[in-house]
Protein backbone atom coordinates (compact mmCIF):
# COMPACT_ATOMS: atom_id res chain seq x y z
CA MET A 1 0.05 0.10 -0.14
CA ALA A 2 1.42 3.45 -0.68
CA LYS A 3 2.42 5.80 1.94
CA PRO A 4 0.87 9.26 2.44
CA ILE A 5 3.02 12.13 1.07
CA GLU A 6 4.17 14.23 4.25
CA LEU A 7 4.73 18.02 3.63
CA GLY A 8 8.18 18.99 4.32
CA LEU A 9 8.02 22.69 4.19
CA VAL A 10 5.71 25.05 6.37
CA LEU A 11 5.92 28.60 6.22
CA GLU A 12 5.20 30.90 9.29
CA GLY A 13 5.31 34.45 10.18
CA GLU A 14 6.76 36.86 7.80
CA ASP A 15 7.80 34.26 5.41
CA ALA A 16 4.04 33.03 5.05
CA LYS A 17 2.98 36.77 4.45
CA GLU A 18 5.64 37.29 1.65
CA PHE A 19 4.70 34.06 -0.06
CA PHE A 20 1.08 35.18 -0.23
CA ARG A 21 2.09 38.61 -1.15
CA ASN A 22 4.27 37.07 -4.12
CA GLU A 23 1.34 34.77 -5.02
CA ARG A 24 -1.21 37.87 -5.41
CA ASN A 25 1.29 40.03 -7.20
CA PRO A 26 4.04 38.09 -9.08
CA VAL A 27 6.91 39.64 -10.68
CA VAL A 28 7.40 38.83 -14.12
CA SER A 29 10.94 39.83 -15.70
CA GLU A 30 12.05 39.84 -19.25
CA GLU A 31 14.27 36.93 -18.39
CA LEU A 32 11.26 34.88 -17.36
CA ILE A 33 9.26 35.56 -20.36
CA GLY A 34 12.39 34.58 -22.51
CA LEU A 35 12.40 31.23 -20.61
CA PHE A 36 8.75 30.62 -21.13
CA ARG A 37 9.19 31.52 -24.90
CA ARG A 38 12.26 29.14 -25.08
CA GLY A 39 10.31 26.37 -23.31
CA LYS A 40 7.34 26.82 -25.77
CA LYS A 41 9.63 26.44 -28.77
CA ILE A 42 11.32 23.41 -27.24
CA TYR A 43 7.68 21.73 -26.76
CA GLU A 44 6.53 22.74 -30.39
CA LYS A 45 9.71 21.01 -31.75
CA ASN A 46 9.30 17.77 -29.59
CA ARG A 47 5.43 17.06 -29.54
CA PHE A 48 4.04 14.09 -31.29
């Protein structure tokens, strides 16, 4: 029988607040956009 997955990371205090702030207002850089475009090209070349 499979064992349940245990969560290994629990954020508390200021770390948790910062996580939720970033979730609500993500920062998207030109570098990140470039990575997504590169990934899309790789996907399109290799899909079946």
